[in-house]
């Protein structure tokens, strides 16, 4: 398409518009010109871009062919090795070749005097900490502290006295700020250690007291948290943050004191109940014995009821009915001293596994082992107190054991028990 434009009034008519102009000499390609020249930012993978194009298609510029011959992931990986685009330092340095850009940046970090290098790391830590990148901030502050506490291999200072003061200030700030990073990362012990280091440098560092208090509170070390909070408030009584954590500490302290008081009361009551139970057993002449491996009876236990603190209350025992002829048993969690064996047999019988109907209240006999290891026959209608009183039998691990044997098998079972004992 032909376009006609009107020339301005000041146009120099001596110029020959048909004569080609001489392009200015360029010292190098401008930004974006790489695509039209022979520069390839990522290199061309052989057999990829060029071979994929049909022979009738014009060749692409080298820069475009370079991009097309790589996948998106490959390009991102190569860009990550360039300081401007990198997101992962480990990928940028994973190859055997030196990364000149990275090495240049690292060299800049370590140029200057000791306080200048430490200050550089401190400022980097401040930047990432403002963005709440706590792990990165911790790393930068750690590097700054390492510079200040390690070997002095930096440039010599023209003002040693002034630098010493700066180093003291930077160290205090880095310990205090690293404590914040550790606090947010829930590294509470590390927080308290950093705060202690900061306070050794400056005993009036209120932030260190506050952060240490928060860490100790998180660890539920309430006396220690109360101490650090009190010290901080002594320096800054109007500090809102310390006042807030102080209120939390007071509330938690009251809760812990109430828990401790309740526990003491429960322990004292248990002690009195134990003494009262022992008194009641002694008064009834009931022998007891404990072993190294008592059975797990869950909530079943020997006790006084209804009042565990009154020796005149009724004694209640857990008891087990053993059926030795059939290797079966039944647990009675509460067998009161005034009850009889028959009282419990009435609701236990008939037994679900007794196919022959041998176990009936009027067709069984009951036996208990004596203190000496023998056997005695006990009446089914005798109260438990009468059976246990006198000391012939004993209650082992708080459990009453009663053997129940069909009357027709009683003699045979007794002989087997005697033979077993003799063996």
Protein backbone atom coordinates (compact mmCIF):
# COMPACT_ATOMS: atom_id res chain seq x y z
CA UNK A 1 0.00 0.00 0.00
CA UNK A 2 1.30 3.47 -0.90
CA UNK A 3 0.98 6.20 1.68
CA UNK A 4 1.42 9.94 1.03
CA UNK A 5 2.54 12.21 3.86
CA UNK A 6 2.80 16.00 3.86
CA UNK A 7 6.30 17.25 4.64
CA UNK A 8 6.78 19.86 7.32
CA UNK A 9 7.56 23.45 6.36
CA UNK A 10 11.12 23.24 7.73
CA UNK A 11 12.00 20.12 5.76
CA UNK A 12 15.45 20.24 4.16
CA UNK A 13 14.72 19.81 0.45
CA UNK A 14 18.41 19.19 -0.33
CA UNK A 15 18.11 15.71 1.15
CA UNK A 16 17.79 12.81 -1.27
CA UNK A 17 15.07 10.60 0.14
CA UNK A 18 15.88 7.78 -2.30
CA UNK A 19 19.48 7.50 -1.13
CA UNK A 20 20.00 4.82 1.54
CA UNK A 21 21.09 6.20 4.88
CA UNK A 22 24.18 4.94 6.65
CA UNK A 23 23.27 3.12 9.83
CA UNK A 24 25.11 4.24 12.95
CA UNK A 25 27.84 1.92 14.15
CA UNK A 26 26.65 -0.26 17.04
CA UNK A 27 29.07 -1.58 19.56
CA UNK A 28 26.92 -4.62 20.26
CA UNK A 29 23.45 -6.06 19.91
CA UNK A 30 20.67 -4.27 21.70
CA UNK A 31 18.31 -6.02 24.08
CA UNK A 32 16.15 -8.34 22.03
CA UNK A 33 18.50 -8.33 19.03
CA UNK A 34 19.93 -11.71 20.05
CA UNK A 35 16.98 -13.41 18.38
CA UNK A 36 18.02 -12.04 14.99
CA UNK A 37 21.71 -12.72 15.32
CA UNK A 38 23.72 -15.87 15.79
CA UNK A 39 23.59 -15.80 19.61
CA UNK A 40 21.92 -18.74 21.34
CA UNK A 41 21.15 -18.06 25.03
CA UNK A 42 20.60 -21.77 25.87
CA UNK A 43 22.39 -23.53 23.03
CA UNK A 44 20.67 -25.66 20.38
CA UNK A 45 20.08 -29.32 21.15
CA UNK A 46 21.05 -31.32 18.08
CA UNK A 47 18.27 -33.31 16.45
CA UNK A 48 15.50 -31.32 18.17
CA UNK A 49 14.37 -28.01 16.73
CA UNK A 50 16.05 -28.23 13.29
CA UNK A 51 15.03 -31.81 12.56
CA UNK A 52 11.45 -31.22 13.70
CA UNK A 53 10.91 -28.50 11.06
CA UNK A 54 9.77 -29.59 7.54
CA UNK A 55 12.27 -28.92 4.76
CA UNK A 56 9.88 -26.40 3.14
CA UNK A 57 9.76 -24.27 6.30
CA UNK A 58 12.25 -21.38 6.50
CA UNK A 59 14.96 -21.79 9.11
CA UNK A 60 14.31 -20.06 12.44
CA UNK A 61 16.76 -17.53 13.85
CA UNK A 62 19.34 -19.21 16.15
CA UNK A 63 17.93 -17.59 19.29
CA UNK A 64 14.41 -18.91 18.63
CA UNK A 65 15.78 -22.32 17.62
CA UNK A 66 17.68 -22.38 20.91
CA UNK A 67 14.50 -21.82 22.93
CA UNK A 68 12.42 -24.25 20.88
CA UNK A 69 14.94 -27.07 21.22
CA UNK A 70 14.54 -27.18 25.02
CA UNK A 71 11.61 -28.03 27.26
CA UNK A 72 10.16 -25.45 29.63
CA UNK A 73 11.65 -27.26 32.64
CA UNK A 74 15.12 -27.26 31.03
CA UNK A 75 14.91 -23.52 30.34
CA UNK A 76 13.78 -22.79 33.92
CA UNK A 77 16.64 -24.92 35.23
CA UNK A 78 19.19 -22.98 33.13
CA UNK A 79 17.67 -19.63 34.14
CA UNK A 80 17.94 -20.68 37.77
CA UNK A 81 21.72 -20.66 37.37
CA UNK A 82 21.65 -16.95 36.55
CA UNK A 83 21.75 -14.62 39.59
CA UNK A 84 18.91 -12.43 38.19
CA UNK A 85 16.45 -15.34 37.96
CA UNK A 86 17.68 -17.88 40.52
CA UNK A 87 15.34 -19.23 43.18
CA UNK A 88 17.48 -22.09 44.51
CA UNK A 89 21.17 -21.57 45.24
CA UNK A 90 21.85 -25.31 45.43
CA UNK A 91 20.76 -25.78 41.79
CA UNK A 92 22.83 -22.82 40.69
CA UNK A 93 25.99 -24.42 42.10
CA UNK A 94 25.32 -28.13 41.56
CA UNK A 95 27.41 -28.46 38.39
CA UNK A 96 31.18 -28.93 38.40
CA UNK A 97 31.72 -25.69 36.48
CA UNK A 98 32.18 -22.45 38.39
CA UNK A 99 29.19 -20.11 38.28
CA UNK A 100 30.89 -16.75 37.75
CA UNK A 101 27.80 -14.74 38.71
CA UNK A 102 27.37 -16.56 42.00
CA UNK A 103 31.02 -16.34 42.87
CA UNK A 104 30.94 -12.60 42.19
CA UNK A 105 28.02 -12.13 44.56
CA UNK A 106 29.71 -14.24 47.22
CA UNK A 107 32.89 -12.23 46.88
CA UNK A 108 30.92 -9.02 47.47
CA UNK A 109 29.47 -10.50 50.67
CA UNK A 110 32.92 -11.05 52.13
CA UNK A 111 34.53 -7.74 51.19
CA UNK A 112 35.21 -5.21 53.91
CA UNK A 113 36.04 -5.19 57.59
CA UNK A 114 34.58 -7.64 60.07
CA UNK A 115 31.72 -5.33 61.19
CA UNK A 116 30.95 -4.39 57.55
CA UNK A 117 30.61 -8.03 56.49
CA UNK A 118 28.54 -8.88 59.58
CA UNK A 119 26.34 -5.84 58.99
CA UNK A 120 25.73 -7.03 55.44
CA UNK A 121 24.43 -10.36 56.67
CA UNK A 122 22.42 -8.61 59.37
CA UNK A 123 20.69 -6.37 56.82
CA UNK A 124 19.94 -9.36 54.60
CA UNK A 125 18.44 -11.07 57.62
CA UNK A 126 16.33 -8.00 58.38
CA UNK A 127 14.98 -7.95 54.82
CA UNK A 128 13.81 -11.56 54.78
CA UNK A 129 12.54 -11.38 58.35
CA UNK A 130 10.30 -8.46 57.43
CA UNK A 131 8.79 -10.84 54.87
CA UNK A 132 8.36 -13.45 57.64
CA UNK A 133 10.86 -15.82 56.04
CA UNK A 134 12.00 -17.00 59.42
CA UNK A 135 14.31 -19.83 58.32
CA UNK A 136 16.15 -17.55 55.87
CA UNK A 137 16.43 -14.84 58.49
CA UNK A 138 17.85 -17.29 61.01
CA UNK A 139 20.48 -18.35 58.47
CA UNK A 140 21.63 -14.79 57.75
CA UNK A 141 21.85 -13.88 61.44
CA UNK A 142 23.79 -17.07 62.08
CA UNK A 143 26.28 -16.07 59.38
CA UNK A 144 26.65 -12.60 60.89
CA UNK A 145 27.31 -14.11 64.32
CA UNK A 146 29.82 -16.53 62.80
CA UNK A 147 31.69 -13.59 61.24
CA UNK A 148 31.82 -11.77 64.59
CA UNK A 149 32.83 -14.78 66.67
CA UNK A 150 35.11 -16.56 64.21
CA UNK A 151 38.64 -15.93 63.01
CA UNK A 152 39.34 -12.34 61.95
CA UNK A 153 40.28 -12.78 58.29
CA UNK A 154 38.72 -9.54 57.07
CA UNK A 155 40.23 -6.24 56.00
CA UNK A 156 42.09 -4.32 58.68
CA UNK A 157 40.14 -1.51 60.27
CA UNK A 158 41.30 2.09 60.51
CA UNK A 159 39.20 2.54 63.66
CA UNK A 160 39.57 -0.60 65.85
CA UNK A 161 37.84 1.02 68.82
CA UNK A 162 34.86 2.15 66.76
CA UNK A 163 34.64 -1.23 65.04
CA UNK A 164 34.62 -3.03 68.39
CA UNK A 165 31.63 -0.95 69.43
CA UNK A 166 29.87 -1.72 66.14
CA UNK A 167 30.56 -5.43 66.51
CA UNK A 168 29.04 -5.39 69.99
CA UNK A 169 25.91 -3.65 68.67
CA UNK A 170 25.57 -5.97 65.64
CA UNK A 171 26.05 -9.11 67.76
CA UNK A 172 23.36 -8.03 70.22
CA UNK A 173 20.91 -7.26 67.40
CA UNK A 174 21.62 -10.54 65.59
CA UNK A 175 21.14 -12.65 68.71
CA UNK A 176 17.91 -10.80 69.49
CA UNK A 177 16.58 -11.12 65.94
CA UNK A 178 17.63 -14.75 65.59
CA UNK A 179 15.71 -15.37 68.81
CA UNK A 180 12.62 -14.01 67.04
CA UNK A 181 13.17 -16.36 64.08
CA UNK A 182 13.62 -19.33 66.40
CA UNK A 183 10.53 -18.31 68.34
CA UNK A 184 8.41 -18.23 65.18
CA UNK A 185 9.93 -21.57 64.10
CA UNK A 186 8.99 -22.97 67.56
CA UNK A 187 12.64 -23.66 68.41
CA UNK A 188 11.96 -22.54 71.97
CA UNK A 189 15.15 -23.75 73.62
CA UNK A 190 17.25 -22.06 70.91
CA UNK A 191 15.22 -18.90 71.52
CA UNK A 192 16.13 -18.83 75.20
CA UNK A 193 19.81 -19.44 74.40
CA UNK A 194 19.89 -16.55 71.89
CA UNK A 195 18.16 -14.26 74.37
CA UNK A 196 20.68 -15.22 77.04
CA UNK A 197 23.52 -14.33 74.64
CA UNK A 198 21.89 -10.98 73.86
CA UNK A 199 21.41 -10.23 77.56
CA UNK A 200 25.07 -10.99 78.29
CA UNK A 201 25.92 -8.24 75.82
CA UNK A 202 23.21 -5.90 77.09
CA UNK A 203 21.40 -6.72 80.37
CA UNK A 204 18.83 -4.02 79.54
CA UNK A 205 17.61 -5.58 76.28
CA UNK A 206 13.84 -5.62 76.84
CA UNK A 207 13.15 -7.47 73.56
CA UNK A 208 15.38 -10.32 74.70
CA UNK A 209 13.48 -10.55 77.98
CA UNK A 210 10.16 -10.57 76.12
CA UNK A 211 11.14 -13.23 73.59
CA UNK A 212 12.70 -15.40 76.24
CA UNK A 213 9.51 -15.09 78.29
CA UNK A 214 7.37 -16.19 75.35
CA UNK A 215 9.59 -19.21 74.71
CA UNK A 216 9.58 -20.25 78.37
CA UNK A 217 5.80 -19.82 78.51
CA UNK A 218 5.43 -22.04 75.42
CA UNK A 219 7.57 -24.67 77.20
CA UNK A 220 5.26 -24.34 80.24
CA UNK A 221 8.23 -23.31 82.39
CA UNK A 222 6.08 -20.87 84.31
CA UNK A 223 8.43 -19.95 87.21
CA UNK A 224 11.24 -19.17 84.73
CA UNK A 225 8.87 -17.24 82.45
CA UNK A 226 7.61 -15.24 85.41
CA UNK A 227 11.19 -14.38 86.38
CA UNK A 228 12.23 -13.11 82.93
CA UNK A 229 8.97 -11.20 82.53
CA UNK A 230 9.43 -9.51 85.90
CA UNK A 231 12.97 -8.48 84.96
CA UNK A 232 11.76 -7.05 81.66
CA UNK A 233 8.95 -5.08 83.31
CA UNK A 234 11.40 -3.71 85.85
CA UNK A 235 13.21 -2.10 82.90
CA UNK A 236 10.07 -1.05 81.01
CA UNK A 237 6.95 -1.09 83.25
CA UNK A 238 4.73 0.28 80.46
CA UNK A 239 5.69 -2.35 77.89
CA UNK A 240 2.37 -3.62 76.50
CA UNK A 241 3.78 -6.89 75.16
CA UNK A 242 5.33 -7.80 78.50
CA UNK A 243 2.14 -6.81 80.33
CA UNK A 244 0.09 -9.08 78.06
CA UNK A 245 2.35 -12.10 78.52
CA UNK A 246 2.48 -11.36 82.27
CA UNK A 247 -1.32 -11.75 82.44
CA UNK A 248 -1.10 -15.08 80.62
CA UNK A 249 1.61 -16.26 82.98
CA UNK A 250 -0.47 -15.31 86.02
CA UNK A 251 -3.50 -17.20 84.67
CA UNK A 252 -1.42 -20.27 83.83
CA UNK A 253 0.27 -20.13 87.22
CA UNK A 254 -3.11 -20.09 88.97
CA UNK A 255 -4.27 -23.05 86.87
CA UNK A 256 -1.14 -25.06 87.67
CA UNK A 257 -1.43 -24.24 91.36
CA UNK A 258 -5.05 -25.44 91.35
CA UNK A 259 -4.03 -28.66 89.59
CA UNK A 260 -1.21 -29.20 92.08
CA UNK A 261 -3.51 -28.55 95.03
CA UNK A 262 -6.07 -31.01 93.67
CA UNK A 263 -3.38 -33.62 93.15
CA UNK A 264 -2.11 -33.14 96.72
CA UNK A 265 -5.63 -33.49 98.04
CA UNK A 266 -6.20 -36.67 96.02
CA UNK A 267 -2.92 -38.14 97.22
CA UNK A 268 -3.75 -37.29 100.82
CA UNK A 269 -7.21 -38.84 100.49
CA UNK A 270 -5.74 -41.99 98.91
CA UNK A 271 -3.24 -42.22 101.78
CA UNK A 272 -6.03 -41.96 104.36
CA UNK A 273 -8.18 -44.49 102.49
CA UNK A 274 -5.27 -46.94 102.46
CA UNK A 275 -4.74 -46.54 106.20
CA UNK A 276 -8.47 -46.93 106.91
CA UNK A 277 -8.68 -50.07 104.73
CA UNK A 278 -5.70 -51.63 106.48
CA UNK A 279 -7.32 -50.85 109.84
CA UNK A 280 -10.60 -52.50 108.77
CA UNK A 281 -8.81 -55.65 107.51
CA UNK A 282 -6.83 -55.91 110.73
CA UNK A 283 -9.98 -55.51 112.84
CA UNK A 284 -11.65 -58.36 110.91
CA UNK A 285 -8.53 -60.58 111.06
CA UNK A 286 -8.38 -60.90 107.26
CA UNK A 287 -4.96 -61.78 105.90
CA UNK A 288 -3.71 -60.18 102.69
CA UNK A 289 -0.62 -60.60 100.53
CA UNK A 290 0.73 -58.90 97.41
CA UNK A 291 2.92 -60.36 94.68
CA UNK A 292 5.38 -58.84 92.24
CA UNK A 293 2.97 -59.26 89.33
CA UNK A 294 -0.59 -58.49 90.42
CA UNK A 295 -3.37 -59.07 87.84
CA UNK A 296 -4.87 -56.14 85.97
CA UNK A 297 -8.37 -55.79 87.41
CA UNK A 298 -9.04 -52.37 85.84
CA UNK A 299 -11.48 -50.55 88.15
CA UNK A 300 -12.13 -53.55 90.42
CA UNK A 301 -10.39 -53.12 93.77
CA UNK A 302 -10.63 -54.02 97.42
CA UNK A 303 -12.31 -51.10 99.21
CA UNK A 304 -14.66 -49.85 101.93
CA UNK A 305 -18.19 -48.86 100.89
CA UNK A 306 -20.02 -46.54 101.04
CA UNK A 307 -17.46 -44.40 102.90
CA UNK A 308 -13.82 -45.33 102.16
CA UNK A 309 -12.70 -43.23 105.13
CA UNK A 310 -14.85 -45.09 107.67
CA UNK A 311 -13.54 -48.42 109.03
CA UNK A 312 -17.14 -49.39 109.87
CA UNK A 313 -18.16 -49.38 106.20
CA UNK A 314 -18.60 -52.75 104.49
CA UNK A 315 -15.58 -54.36 102.87
CA UNK A 316 -15.93 -55.08 99.16
CA UNK A 317 -13.63 -57.47 97.27
CA UNK A 318 -13.18 -58.40 93.64
CA UNK A 319 -13.50 -62.18 93.35
CA UNK A 320 -12.98 -64.81 90.69
CA UNK A 321 -14.96 -68.05 90.47
CA UNK A 322 -12.66 -70.70 88.99
CA UNK A 323 -14.05 -73.82 87.27
CA UNK A 324 -10.87 -75.97 87.21
CA UNK A 325 -12.55 -79.03 85.67
CA UNK A 326 -13.34 -77.03 82.53
CA UNK A 327 -10.63 -74.31 82.62
CA UNK A 328 -13.22 -71.51 82.81
CA UNK A 329 -13.71 -68.57 85.16
CA UNK A 330 -16.01 -65.66 86.06
CA UNK A 331 -14.95 -62.31 87.55
CA UNK A 332 -17.15 -60.67 90.17
CA UNK A 333 -16.03 -57.07 90.53
CA UNK A 334 -17.85 -56.39 93.80
CA UNK A 335 -18.31 -59.17 96.39
CA UNK A 336 -19.46 -57.55 99.65
CA UNK A 337 -18.38 -59.15 102.94
CA UNK A 338 -22.01 -59.72 103.95
CA UNK A 339 -22.87 -61.64 100.77
CA UNK A 340 -22.58 -65.38 100.21
CA UNK A 341 -21.24 -67.47 97.33
CA UNK A 342 -24.81 -68.66 96.67
CA UNK A 343 -25.93 -65.04 96.16
CA UNK A 344 -23.68 -64.82 93.12
CA UNK A 345 -24.19 -68.37 91.85
CA UNK A 346 -27.92 -67.69 91.59
CA UNK A 347 -27.46 -65.18 88.78
CA UNK A 348 -24.33 -66.73 87.19
CA UNK A 349 -25.82 -70.22 86.68
CA UNK A 350 -26.60 -71.77 84.29
CA UNK A 351 -23.26 -71.42 82.58
CA UNK A 352 -23.40 -70.97 78.77
CA UNK A 353 -20.66 -73.55 78.15
CA UNK A 354 -22.08 -76.17 80.59
CA UNK A 355 -23.61 -78.53 78.00
CA UNK A 356 -24.14 -81.38 80.49
CA UNK A 357 -25.79 -79.16 83.12
CA UNK A 358 -23.29 -80.09 85.83
CA UNK A 359 -23.13 -76.63 87.36
CA UNK A 360 -26.19 -75.91 89.52
CA UNK A 361 -26.22 -74.12 92.90
CA UNK A 362 -27.22 -77.34 94.66
CA UNK A 363 -24.83 -79.57 92.66
CA UNK A 364 -21.44 -77.89 93.22
CA UNK A 365 -18.91 -77.63 96.02
CA UNK A 366 -16.63 -74.67 96.77
CA UNK A 367 -12.98 -74.75 97.82
CA UNK A 368 -10.30 -72.19 98.73
CA UNK A 369 -6.57 -72.57 99.20
CA UNK A 370 -5.23 -72.08 102.72
CA UNK A 371 -2.23 -70.02 103.74
CA UNK A 372 -0.16 -73.22 103.97
CA UNK A 373 -1.13 -74.32 100.45
CA UNK A 374 -3.84 -76.82 101.34
CA UNK A 375 -7.56 -76.78 100.55
CA UNK A 376 -10.64 -76.09 102.68
CA UNK A 377 -14.25 -76.55 101.72
CA UNK A 378 -16.35 -73.42 102.22
CA UNK A 379 -20.10 -73.24 102.56
CA UNK A 380 -22.05 -71.66 99.75
CA UNK A 381 -24.34 -69.91 102.22
CA UNK A 382 -21.57 -68.58 104.49
CA UNK A 383 -20.90 -64.84 104.34
CA UNK A 384 -17.62 -63.85 102.79
CA UNK A 385 -16.56 -62.26 106.09
CA UNK A 386 -16.92 -65.59 107.93
CA UNK A 387 -14.91 -67.34 105.21
CA UNK A 388 -12.05 -64.82 105.27
CA UNK A 389 -11.93 -63.99 109.00
CA UNK A 390 -9.58 -65.90 111.23
CA UNK A 391 -6.58 -66.01 108.93
CA UNK A 392 -6.91 -69.54 107.48
CA UNK A 393 -7.16 -68.20 103.94
CA UNK A 394 -5.65 -65.05 102.47
CA UNK A 395 -6.59 -62.49 99.89
CA UNK A 396 -3.79 -62.32 97.31
CA UNK A 397 -3.33 -59.04 95.37
CA UNK A 398 -6.74 -57.90 96.61
CA UNK A 399 -8.51 -60.75 94.80
CA UNK A 400 -10.58 -63.56 96.39
CA UNK A 401 -10.16 -66.89 94.53
CA UNK A 402 -12.89 -69.57 94.90
CA UNK A 403 -12.79 -72.94 93.13
CA UNK A 404 -16.18 -74.33 92.11
CA UNK A 405 -16.33 -78.04 91.29
CA UNK A 406 -19.30 -80.29 90.43
CA UNK A 407 -20.08 -82.50 93.44
CA UNK A 408 -19.55 -85.68 91.41
CA UNK A 409 -16.05 -84.62 90.42
CA UNK A 410 -14.94 -83.09 93.75
CA UNK A 411 -13.10 -86.16 95.10
CA UNK A 412 -11.20 -86.69 91.85
CA UNK A 413 -10.21 -83.01 91.69
CA UNK A 414 -8.96 -83.04 95.30
CA UNK A 415 -6.75 -86.04 94.59
CA UNK A 416 -5.32 -84.36 91.52
CA UNK A 417 -4.54 -81.24 93.56
CA UNK A 418 -2.77 -83.29 96.24
CA UNK A 419 -0.74 -85.14 93.63
CA UNK A 420 0.21 -81.89 91.93
CA UNK A 421 1.29 -80.40 95.23
CA UNK A 422 3.37 -83.47 96.12
CA UNK A 423 5.07 -83.41 92.73
